[in-house]
């Protein structure tokens, strides 16, 4: 069974989508539609911008979304998913690709999500850190016993977990994690504490936008970050999307459940190949491919 997976923020690179734009009339039309919807020429930044320009949250999230969704659309009849999933932001790409959201509504929500997260990041000093070489339970317990806001945010693969929260609390947790035997506990160059309680203002802002958007039943099950299980109900999809900003990304569990439900090929749709690497660490020997 074919599983298609969609990357999140961090997969961006200068020149992303340029080949699609130049080689496909359908892709070009969608990119131009996106420029109109966003009110600025995001294609100029994607194709020619600097790494710093691409790193702005208001640019990064729509850029990664557009690359993934437009690539999926250009696959035409070759895109026949039995199941889909996306990592964080990638969940929106997966929902558009699976027909639960229209291209326009998906892009508008992603743009609102990016702006809301940016604002939340500016309220208090917050960050994320990658933790390598410890069991999930050890990381969770240390976060719980650390003073301040710090939580497990991304379960990327066994032995690789990202924590998120107030900068001081994340730094304290990193010291404790190293003492507990972590191979690495390294602060990440991100704008804030995604998938933590620090994103509550963004969650509230996005909840209203999601609630007023029309969702359809997807063509196949979507394994959502919050539950890591197959979802097809539009109402359930909406509720999980609202919770997603302050809840952890259960990527390890999502992939494990997709494999248990019969996935035997994971195709990454979008920039980079990070998810293929994670899938191989979660399910040894699993076949992976890139859609591009």
C-alpha atoms as a PDB file:
ATOM      1  CA  UNK A   1       0.000   0.000   0.000  1.00  0.00           C
ATOM      2  CA  UNK A   2       1.204   3.475  -0.888  1.00  0.00           C
ATOM      3  CA  UNK A   3       1.756   6.066   1.829  1.00  0.00           C
ATOM      4  CA  UNK A   4       2.539   9.646   0.854  1.00  0.00           C
ATOM      5  CA  UNK A   5       4.240  11.893   3.431  1.00  0.00           C
ATOM      6  CA  UNK A   6       4.665  15.666   3.409  1.00  0.00           C
ATOM      7  CA  UNK A   7       7.524  17.590   5.081  1.00  0.00           C
ATOM      8  CA  UNK A   8       7.251  20.555   7.422  1.00  0.00           C
ATOM      9  CA  UNK A   9       9.159  23.744   8.160  1.00  0.00           C
ATOM     10  CA  UNK A  10      12.913  23.329   7.781  1.00  0.00           C
ATOM     11  CA  UNK A  11      12.803  21.522   4.429  1.00  0.00           C
ATOM     12  CA  UNK A  12      12.993  24.769   2.432  1.00  0.00           C
ATOM     13  CA  UNK A  13      15.890  25.654   0.107  1.00  0.00           C
ATOM     14  CA  UNK A  14      16.616  28.473  -2.371  1.00  0.00           C
ATOM     15  CA  UNK A  15      15.349  27.525  -5.818  1.00  0.00           C
ATOM     16  CA  UNK A  16      12.590  25.270  -4.474  1.00  0.00           C
ATOM     17  CA  UNK A  17       9.751  24.809  -6.957  1.00  0.00           C
ATOM     18  CA  UNK A  18      11.508  26.664  -9.797  1.00  0.00           C
ATOM     19  CA  UNK A  19      11.791  23.570 -11.979  1.00  0.00           C
ATOM     20  CA  UNK A  20       8.102  22.778 -11.429  1.00  0.00           C
ATOM     21  CA  UNK A  21       7.149  26.339 -12.372  1.00  0.00           C
ATOM     22  CA  UNK A  22       9.220  26.274 -15.549  1.00  0.00           C
ATOM     23  CA  UNK A  23       8.266  22.777 -16.727  1.00  0.00           C
ATOM     24  CA  UNK A  24       4.538  22.572 -15.988  1.00  0.00           C
ATOM     25  CA  UNK A  25       1.804  24.965 -17.119  1.00  0.00           C
ATOM     26  CA  UNK A  26      -0.446  23.630 -14.349  1.00  0.00           C
ATOM     27  CA  UNK A  27       2.217  24.283 -11.717  1.00  0.00           C
ATOM     28  CA  UNK A  28       2.900  27.782 -13.058  1.00  0.00           C
ATOM     29  CA  UNK A  29      -0.815  28.661 -12.887  1.00  0.00           C
ATOM     30  CA  UNK A  30      -1.046  27.424  -9.274  1.00  0.00           C
ATOM     31  CA  UNK A  31       2.079  29.329  -8.205  1.00  0.00           C
ATOM     32  CA  UNK A  32       0.687  32.522  -9.773  1.00  0.00           C
ATOM     33  CA  UNK A  33      -2.663  31.926  -8.035  1.00  0.00           C
ATOM     34  CA  UNK A  34      -0.718  31.601  -4.761  1.00  0.00           C
ATOM     35  CA  UNK A  35       1.035  34.942  -5.387  1.00  0.00           C
ATOM     36  CA  UNK A  36      -2.399  36.568  -5.789  1.00  0.00           C
ATOM     37  CA  UNK A  37      -3.860  34.904  -2.673  1.00  0.00           C
ATOM     38  CA  UNK A  38      -0.871  35.857  -0.484  1.00  0.00           C
ATOM     39  CA  UNK A  39      -0.607  39.393  -1.847  1.00  0.00           C
ATOM     40  CA  UNK A  40       3.148  39.136  -2.511  1.00  0.00           C
ATOM     41  CA  UNK A  41       5.290  37.219  -4.993  1.00  0.00           C
ATOM     42  CA  UNK A  42       6.363  34.306  -2.851  1.00  0.00           C
ATOM     43  CA  UNK A  43       7.739  32.672  -6.002  1.00  0.00           C
ATOM     44  CA  UNK A  44      10.451  35.372  -6.229  1.00  0.00           C
ATOM     45  CA  UNK A  45      11.645  34.463  -2.713  1.00  0.00           C
ATOM     46  CA  UNK A  46      11.362  30.702  -3.332  1.00  0.00           C
ATOM     47  CA  UNK A  47      13.261  30.785  -6.614  1.00  0.00           C
ATOM     48  CA  UNK A  48      15.806  33.572  -6.029  1.00  0.00           C
ATOM     49  CA  UNK A  49      15.673  34.563  -2.343  1.00  0.00           C
ATOM     50  CA  UNK A  50      18.418  34.169   0.241  1.00  0.00           C
ATOM     51  CA  UNK A  51      18.325  31.489   2.933  1.00  0.00           C
ATOM     52  CA  UNK A  52      17.506  34.217   5.487  1.00  0.00           C
ATOM     53  CA  UNK A  53      14.538  35.481   3.437  1.00  0.00           C
ATOM     54  CA  UNK A  54      13.237  31.923   3.106  1.00  0.00           C
ATOM     55  CA  UNK A  55      13.637  31.371   6.871  1.00  0.00           C
ATOM     56  CA  UNK A  56      10.954  33.940   7.777  1.00  0.00           C
ATOM     57  CA  UNK A  57       8.016  31.933   9.132  1.00  0.00           C
ATOM     58  CA  UNK A  58       5.492  33.888   7.009  1.00  0.00           C
ATOM     59  CA  UNK A  59       7.454  32.765   3.920  1.00  0.00           C
ATOM     60  CA  UNK A  60       8.735  29.329   4.968  1.00  0.00           C
ATOM     61  CA  UNK A  61       5.419  27.711   5.786  1.00  0.00           C
ATOM     62  CA  UNK A  62       3.529  28.753   2.608  1.00  0.00           C
ATOM     63  CA  UNK A  63       6.650  27.968   0.512  1.00  0.00           C
ATOM     64  CA  UNK A  64       6.992  24.384   1.776  1.00  0.00           C
ATOM     65  CA  UNK A  65       3.219  23.897   1.511  1.00  0.00           C
ATOM     66  CA  UNK A  66       3.159  25.159  -2.091  1.00  0.00           C
ATOM     67  CA  UNK A  67       6.108  23.015  -3.181  1.00  0.00           C
ATOM     68  CA  UNK A  68       4.465  19.879  -1.751  1.00  0.00           C
ATOM     69  CA  UNK A  69       0.890  20.490  -2.895  1.00  0.00           C
ATOM     70  CA  UNK A  70       1.762  21.626  -6.412  1.00  0.00           C
ATOM     71  CA  UNK A  71       4.159  18.694  -6.836  1.00  0.00           C
ATOM     72  CA  UNK A  72       1.371  16.308  -5.771  1.00  0.00           C
ATOM     73  CA  UNK A  73      -1.036  17.916  -8.278  1.00  0.00           C
ATOM     74  CA  UNK A  74       1.453  17.570 -11.153  1.00  0.00           C
ATOM     75  CA  UNK A  75       1.705  13.819 -10.485  1.00  0.00           C
ATOM     76  CA  UNK A  76      -1.818  13.534 -11.904  1.00  0.00           C
ATOM     77  CA  UNK A  77      -3.087   9.954 -12.097  1.00  0.00           C
ATOM     78  CA  UNK A  78       0.191   8.710 -10.618  1.00  0.00           C
ATOM     79  CA  UNK A  79      -0.882  10.161  -7.268  1.00  0.00           C
ATOM     80  CA  UNK A  80      -3.001   7.353  -5.835  1.00  0.00           C
ATOM     81  CA  UNK A  81      -2.494   7.370  -2.061  1.00  0.00           C
ATOM     82  CA  UNK A  82      -3.843   4.649   0.218  1.00  0.00           C
ATOM     83  CA  UNK A  83      -2.915   6.860   3.170  1.00  0.00           C
ATOM     84  CA  UNK A  84      -1.222  10.217   3.824  1.00  0.00           C
ATOM     85  CA  UNK A  85       0.496  12.049   6.678  1.00  0.00           C
ATOM     86  CA  UNK A  86       2.382  15.296   7.113  1.00  0.00           C
ATOM     87  CA  UNK A  87       4.929  16.440   9.679  1.00  0.00           C
ATOM     88  CA  UNK A  88       3.568  19.519  11.511  1.00  0.00           C
ATOM     89  CA  UNK A  89       2.948  22.073   8.714  1.00  0.00           C
ATOM     90  CA  UNK A  90       3.024  19.122   6.281  1.00  0.00           C
ATOM     91  CA  UNK A  91      -0.311  17.968   7.684  1.00  0.00           C
ATOM     92  CA  UNK A  92      -1.974  20.852   5.809  1.00  0.00           C
ATOM     93  CA  UNK A  93      -0.238  19.783   2.578  1.00  0.00           C
ATOM     94  CA  UNK A  94      -1.454  16.205   3.108  1.00  0.00           C
ATOM     95  CA  UNK A  95      -5.039  17.386   3.637  1.00  0.00           C
ATOM     96  CA  UNK A  96      -5.060  19.368   0.387  1.00  0.00           C
ATOM     97  CA  UNK A  97      -3.415  16.521  -1.534  1.00  0.00           C
ATOM     98  CA  UNK A  98      -6.038  14.094  -0.166  1.00  0.00           C
ATOM     99  CA  UNK A  99      -8.926  16.411  -1.089  1.00  0.00           C
ATOM    100  CA  UNK A 100     -10.030  17.370   2.435  1.00  0.00           C
ATOM    101  CA  UNK A 101      -9.174  21.031   1.765  1.00  0.00           C
ATOM    102  CA  UNK A 102      -9.149  23.115  -1.403  1.00  0.00           C
ATOM    103  CA  UNK A 103      -5.839  24.578  -2.595  1.00  0.00           C
ATOM    104  CA  UNK A 104      -7.011  28.121  -1.816  1.00  0.00           C
ATOM    105  CA  UNK A 105      -8.376  27.324   1.657  1.00  0.00           C
ATOM    106  CA  UNK A 106      -5.260  25.310   2.521  1.00  0.00           C
ATOM    107  CA  UNK A 107      -2.949  28.152   1.521  1.00  0.00           C
ATOM    108  CA  UNK A 108      -5.002  30.738   3.432  1.00  0.00           C
ATOM    109  CA  UNK A 109      -4.926  28.603   6.596  1.00  0.00           C
ATOM    110  CA  UNK A 110      -1.170  27.984   6.282  1.00  0.00           C
ATOM    111  CA  UNK A 111      -0.544  31.710   5.848  1.00  0.00           C
ATOM    112  CA  UNK A 112      -2.727  32.526   8.894  1.00  0.00           C
ATOM    113  CA  UNK A 113      -0.986  29.777  10.869  1.00  0.00           C
ATOM    114  CA  UNK A 114       2.441  31.217  10.021  1.00  0.00           C
ATOM    115  CA  UNK A 115       1.438  34.762  11.039  1.00  0.00           C
ATOM    116  CA  UNK A 116      -0.201  33.559  14.273  1.00  0.00           C
ATOM    117  CA  UNK A 117       2.859  31.484  15.207  1.00  0.00           C
ATOM    118  CA  UNK A 118       5.167  34.417  14.443  1.00  0.00           C
ATOM    119  CA  UNK A 119       3.152  36.638  16.811  1.00  0.00           C
ATOM    120  CA  UNK A 120       3.162  33.977  19.529  1.00  0.00           C
ATOM    121  CA  UNK A 121       6.947  33.661  19.201  1.00  0.00           C
ATOM    122  CA  UNK A 122       7.343  37.365  19.965  1.00  0.00           C
ATOM    123  CA  UNK A 123       5.435  37.255  23.275  1.00  0.00           C
ATOM    124  CA  UNK A 124       8.162  35.540  25.343  1.00  0.00           C
ATOM    125  CA  UNK A 125      11.652  34.084  24.767  1.00  0.00           C
ATOM    126  CA  UNK A 126      11.131  30.497  23.670  1.00  0.00           C
ATOM    127  CA  UNK A 127      12.976  27.840  21.685  1.00  0.00           C
ATOM    128  CA  UNK A 128      13.326  24.144  20.808  1.00  0.00           C
ATOM    129  CA  UNK A 129      16.125  21.600  21.211  1.00  0.00           C
ATOM    130  CA  UNK A 130      16.927  18.265  19.560  1.00  0.00           C
ATOM    131  CA  UNK A 131      17.642  15.397  21.940  1.00  0.00           C
ATOM    132  CA  UNK A 132      19.468  12.321  20.635  1.00  0.00           C
ATOM    133  CA  UNK A 133      20.118   8.943  22.206  1.00  0.00           C
ATOM    134  CA  UNK A 134      17.544   8.713  25.002  1.00  0.00           C
ATOM    135  CA  UNK A 135      14.305   6.798  25.456  1.00  0.00           C
ATOM    136  CA  UNK A 136      11.172   8.944  25.033  1.00  0.00           C
ATOM    137  CA  UNK A 137      10.083   8.255  28.632  1.00  0.00           C
ATOM    138  CA  UNK A 138      13.377   9.569  30.047  1.00  0.00           C
ATOM    139  CA  UNK A 139      13.002  12.808  28.046  1.00  0.00           C
ATOM    140  CA  UNK A 140       9.356  13.202  29.086  1.00  0.00           C
ATOM    141  CA  UNK A 141      10.194  12.680  32.791  1.00  0.00           C
ATOM    142  CA  UNK A 142      13.034  15.227  32.716  1.00  0.00           C
ATOM    143  CA  UNK A 143      10.815  17.800  30.987  1.00  0.00           C
ATOM    144  CA  UNK A 144       8.139  17.221  33.621  1.00  0.00           C
ATOM    145  CA  UNK A 145      10.568  17.707  36.503  1.00  0.00           C
ATOM    146  CA  UNK A 146      12.149  20.859  35.008  1.00  0.00           C
ATOM    147  CA  UNK A 147      10.915  24.194  36.337  1.00  0.00           C
ATOM    148  CA  UNK A 148       9.127  26.314  33.730  1.00  0.00           C
ATOM    149  CA  UNK A 149       7.444  25.386  30.446  1.00  0.00           C
ATOM    150  CA  UNK A 150       9.234  22.601  28.544  1.00  0.00           C
ATOM    151  CA  UNK A 151       7.592  19.621  26.822  1.00  0.00           C
ATOM    152  CA  UNK A 152       8.275  16.859  24.306  1.00  0.00           C
ATOM    153  CA  UNK A 153       7.237  18.394  20.969  1.00  0.00           C
ATOM    154  CA  UNK A 154       8.337  16.166  18.058  1.00  0.00           C
ATOM    155  CA  UNK A 155       8.638  12.377  18.308  1.00  0.00           C
ATOM    156  CA  UNK A 156      10.708  12.131  15.107  1.00  0.00           C
ATOM    157  CA  UNK A 157      12.067   8.584  15.365  1.00  0.00           C
ATOM    158  CA  UNK A 158      13.305   6.273  18.135  1.00  0.00           C
ATOM    159  CA  UNK A 159      16.131   8.072  19.952  1.00  0.00           C
ATOM    160  CA  UNK A 160      15.379  11.452  18.344  1.00  0.00           C
ATOM    161  CA  UNK A 161      12.985  13.754  20.137  1.00  0.00           C
ATOM    162  CA  UNK A 162      12.613  17.542  20.009  1.00  0.00           C
ATOM    163  CA  UNK A 163      11.673  19.458  23.161  1.00  0.00           C
ATOM    164  CA  UNK A 164      10.051  22.888  23.195  1.00  0.00           C
ATOM    165  CA  UNK A 165       9.236  25.679  25.655  1.00  0.00           C
ATOM    166  CA  UNK A 166      10.561  28.737  27.485  1.00  0.00           C
ATOM    167  CA  UNK A 167      14.215  29.320  26.604  1.00  0.00           C
ATOM    168  CA  UNK A 168      15.426  29.094  30.216  1.00  0.00           C
ATOM    169  CA  UNK A 169      13.479  25.875  30.847  1.00  0.00           C
ATOM    170  CA  UNK A 170      14.706  24.261  27.597  1.00  0.00           C
ATOM    171  CA  UNK A 171      18.307  25.138  28.507  1.00  0.00           C
ATOM    172  CA  UNK A 172      17.902  23.643  31.997  1.00  0.00           C
ATOM    173  CA  UNK A 173      16.308  20.505  30.542  1.00  0.00           C
ATOM    174  CA  UNK A 174      19.188  20.145  28.058  1.00  0.00           C
ATOM    175  CA  UNK A 175      21.717  20.112  30.904  1.00  0.00           C
ATOM    176  CA  UNK A 176      19.703  17.468  32.769  1.00  0.00           C
ATOM    177  CA  UNK A 177      19.291  15.403  29.586  1.00  0.00           C
ATOM    178  CA  UNK A 178      23.062  15.413  28.968  1.00  0.00           C
ATOM    179  CA  UNK A 179      23.629  14.272  32.550  1.00  0.00           C
ATOM    180  CA  UNK A 180      21.085  11.470  31.921  1.00  0.00           C
ATOM    181  CA  UNK A 181      23.199  10.252  28.999  1.00  0.00           C
ATOM    182  CA  UNK A 182      21.843  12.063  25.941  1.00  0.00           C
ATOM    183  CA  UNK A 183      24.266  11.837  23.043  1.00  0.00           C
ATOM    184  CA  UNK A 184      23.271  15.392  22.154  1.00  0.00           C
ATOM    185  CA  UNK A 185      20.871  18.008  23.510  1.00  0.00           C
ATOM    186  CA  UNK A 186      21.214  20.900  21.127  1.00  0.00           C
ATOM    187  CA  UNK A 187      19.262  24.158  20.844  1.00  0.00           C
ATOM    188  CA  UNK A 188      17.750  24.584  17.370  1.00  0.00           C
ATOM    189  CA  UNK A 189      17.848  27.802  15.308  1.00  0.00           C
ATOM    190  CA  UNK A 190      14.073  28.319  15.396  1.00  0.00           C
ATOM    191  CA  UNK A 191      11.915  31.363  16.087  1.00  0.00           C
ATOM    192  CA  UNK A 192       9.990  29.915  18.995  1.00  0.00           C
ATOM    193  CA  UNK A 193       8.497  26.997  20.905  1.00  0.00           C
ATOM    194  CA  UNK A 194       6.320  25.224  18.359  1.00  0.00           C
ATOM    195  CA  UNK A 195       4.020  22.398  19.557  1.00  0.00           C
ATOM    196  CA  UNK A 196       4.129  23.583  23.160  1.00  0.00           C
ATOM    197  CA  UNK A 197       1.808  25.566  25.474  1.00  0.00           C
ATOM    198  CA  UNK A 198       3.700  28.687  24.319  1.00  0.00           C
ATOM    199  CA  UNK A 199       1.679  28.458  21.075  1.00  0.00           C
ATOM    200  CA  UNK A 200      -1.669  28.876  22.881  1.00  0.00           C
ATOM    201  CA  UNK A 201      -2.295  32.419  21.485  1.00  0.00           C
ATOM    202  CA  UNK A 202      -1.658  31.084  17.953  1.00  0.00           C
ATOM    203  CA  UNK A 203      -3.920  28.092  18.566  1.00  0.00           C
ATOM    204  CA  UNK A 204      -6.779  30.369  19.613  1.00  0.00           C
ATOM    205  CA  UNK A 205      -6.304  32.582  16.551  1.00  0.00           C
ATOM    206  CA  UNK A 206      -6.094  29.638  14.143  1.00  0.00           C
ATOM    207  CA  UNK A 207      -9.048  27.823  15.763  1.00  0.00           C
ATOM    208  CA  UNK A 208     -11.450  30.489  14.512  1.00  0.00           C
ATOM    209  CA  UNK A 209     -10.063  30.301  10.956  1.00  0.00           C
ATOM    210  CA  UNK A 210     -10.221  26.481  10.897  1.00  0.00           C
ATOM    211  CA  UNK A 211     -13.747  26.438  12.346  1.00  0.00           C
ATOM    212  CA  UNK A 212     -15.022  28.697   9.536  1.00  0.00           C
ATOM    213  CA  UNK A 213     -13.309  26.696   6.750  1.00  0.00           C
ATOM    214  CA  UNK A 214     -15.098  23.944   4.853  1.00  0.00           C
ATOM    215  CA  UNK A 215     -13.481  20.504   5.107  1.00  0.00           C
ATOM    216  CA  UNK A 216     -14.474  17.512   2.939  1.00  0.00           C
ATOM    217  CA  UNK A 217     -13.965  13.781   3.493  1.00  0.00           C
ATOM    218  CA  UNK A 218     -10.453  12.928   2.198  1.00  0.00           C
ATOM    219  CA  UNK A 219      -9.944  10.314  -0.560  1.00  0.00           C
ATOM    220  CA  UNK A 220      -7.941   8.205   1.897  1.00  0.00           C
ATOM    221  CA  UNK A 221      -7.188   8.134   5.650  1.00  0.00           C
ATOM    222  CA  UNK A 222      -5.023  10.951   7.037  1.00  0.00           C
ATOM    223  CA  UNK A 223      -2.751   9.992   9.941  1.00  0.00           C
ATOM    224  CA  UNK A 224      -2.815  13.157  12.008  1.00  0.00           C
ATOM    225  CA  UNK A 225       0.005  14.379  14.260  1.00  0.00           C
ATOM    226  CA  UNK A 226      -2.133  14.646  17.389  1.00  0.00           C
ATOM    227  CA  UNK A 227      -3.532  11.096  17.404  1.00  0.00           C
ATOM    228  CA  UNK A 228      -1.093   9.270  15.055  1.00  0.00           C
ATOM    229  CA  UNK A 229      -4.143   7.320  13.849  1.00  0.00           C
ATOM    230  CA  UNK A 230      -6.147   7.137  10.616  1.00  0.00           C
ATOM    231  CA  UNK A 231      -8.806   9.857  10.419  1.00  0.00           C
ATOM    232  CA  UNK A 232     -11.416  10.478   7.697  1.00  0.00           C
ATOM    233  CA  UNK A 233     -14.122  12.471   9.513  1.00  0.00           C
ATOM    234  CA  UNK A 234     -13.991  16.191   8.521  1.00  0.00           C
ATOM    235  CA  UNK A 235     -15.037  17.252  12.051  1.00  0.00           C
ATOM    236  CA  UNK A 236     -12.358  15.106  13.669  1.00  0.00           C
ATOM    237  CA  UNK A 237      -9.754  16.417  11.198  1.00  0.00           C
ATOM    238  CA  UNK A 238     -10.663  20.014  12.107  1.00  0.00           C
ATOM    239  CA  UNK A 239     -10.492  19.366  15.855  1.00  0.00           C
ATOM    240  CA  UNK A 240      -7.106  17.642  15.576  1.00  0.00           C
ATOM    241  CA  UNK A 241      -5.734  20.500  13.439  1.00  0.00           C
ATOM    242  CA  UNK A 242      -6.762  23.033  16.083  1.00  0.00           C
ATOM    243  CA  UNK A 243      -5.063  21.034  18.865  1.00  0.00           C
ATOM    244  CA  UNK A 244      -1.954  20.451  16.721  1.00  0.00           C
ATOM    245  CA  UNK A 245      -0.226  23.773  17.460  1.00  0.00           C
ATOM    246  CA  UNK A 246       0.090  23.112  21.195  1.00  0.00           C
ATOM    247  CA  UNK A 247       0.330  19.294  21.036  1.00  0.00           C
ATOM    248  CA  UNK A 248       3.282  17.073  20.099  1.00  0.00           C
ATOM    249  CA  UNK A 249       3.919  15.757  16.582  1.00  0.00           C
ATOM    250  CA  UNK A 250       3.677  11.977  17.016  1.00  0.00           C
ATOM    251  CA  UNK A 251       5.618  11.117  13.864  1.00  0.00           C
ATOM    252  CA  UNK A 252       7.187   7.882  15.137  1.00  0.00           C
ATOM    253  CA  UNK A 253       3.776   6.587  16.183  1.00  0.00           C
ATOM    254  CA  UNK A 254       2.135   7.753  12.913  1.00  0.00           C
ATOM    255  CA  UNK A 255       4.626   5.844  10.766  1.00  0.00           C
ATOM    256  CA  UNK A 256       4.383   2.757  12.998  1.00  0.00           C
ATOM    257  CA  UNK A 257       0.588   2.804  12.640  1.00  0.00           C
ATOM    258  CA  UNK A 258       0.770   3.282   8.857  1.00  0.00           C
ATOM    259  CA  UNK A 259       3.108   0.280   8.608  1.00  0.00           C
ATOM    260  CA  UNK A 260       0.792  -1.769  10.835  1.00  0.00           C
ATOM    261  CA  UNK A 261      -2.096  -0.814   8.520  1.00  0.00           C
ATOM    262  CA  UNK A 262      -0.249  -2.121   5.459  1.00  0.00           C
ATOM    263  CA  UNK A 263       2.005   0.664   4.126  1.00  0.00           C
ATOM    264  CA  UNK A 264       4.910  -0.841   2.174  1.00  0.00           C
ATOM    265  CA  UNK A 265       6.148   2.240   0.278  1.00  0.00           C
ATOM    266  CA  UNK A 266       6.551   5.768   1.672  1.00  0.00           C
ATOM    267  CA  UNK A 267       6.857   8.533  -0.943  1.00  0.00           C
ATOM    268  CA  UNK A 268       7.970  11.978   0.263  1.00  0.00           C
ATOM    269  CA  UNK A 269       6.217  14.825  -1.558  1.00  0.00           C
ATOM    270  CA  UNK A 270       8.008  18.167  -1.279  1.00  0.00           C
ATOM    271  CA  UNK A 271      11.444  19.641  -0.682  1.00  0.00           C
ATOM    272  CA  UNK A 272      14.180  17.478   0.829  1.00  0.00           C
ATOM    273  CA  UNK A 273      14.285  13.869   2.010  1.00  0.00           C
ATOM    274  CA  UNK A 274      14.225  14.228   5.815  1.00  0.00           C
ATOM    275  CA  UNK A 275      11.052  12.179   6.223  1.00  0.00           C
ATOM    276  CA  UNK A 276      12.454   9.283   4.186  1.00  0.00           C
ATOM    277  CA  UNK A 277      15.367   9.125   6.608  1.00  0.00           C
ATOM    278  CA  UNK A 278      13.039   9.137   9.617  1.00  0.00           C
ATOM    279  CA  UNK A 279      10.799   6.430   8.092  1.00  0.00           C
ATOM    280  CA  UNK A 280      13.833   4.156   7.604  1.00  0.00           C
ATOM    281  CA  UNK A 281      14.842   4.660  11.246  1.00  0.00           C
ATOM    282  CA  UNK A 282      11.307   3.932  12.459  1.00  0.00           C
ATOM    283  CA  UNK A 283      10.743   0.913  10.194  1.00  0.00           C
ATOM    284  CA  UNK A 284      14.020  -0.809   9.257  1.00  0.00           C
ATOM    285  CA  UNK A 285      14.196  -1.832   5.597  1.00  0.00           C
ATOM    286  CA  UNK A 286      11.053   0.103   4.585  1.00  0.00           C
ATOM    287  CA  UNK A 287      10.974   1.200   0.907  1.00  0.00           C
ATOM    288  CA  UNK A 288      10.987   4.970   0.441  1.00  0.00           C
ATOM    289  CA  UNK A 289      10.971   7.265  -2.591  1.00  0.00           C
ATOM    290  CA  UNK A 290      10.912  10.920  -3.531  1.00  0.00           C
ATOM    291  CA  UNK A 291       8.063  12.318  -5.634  1.00  0.00           C
ATOM    292  CA  UNK A 292      10.240  14.936  -7.309  1.00  0.00           C
END
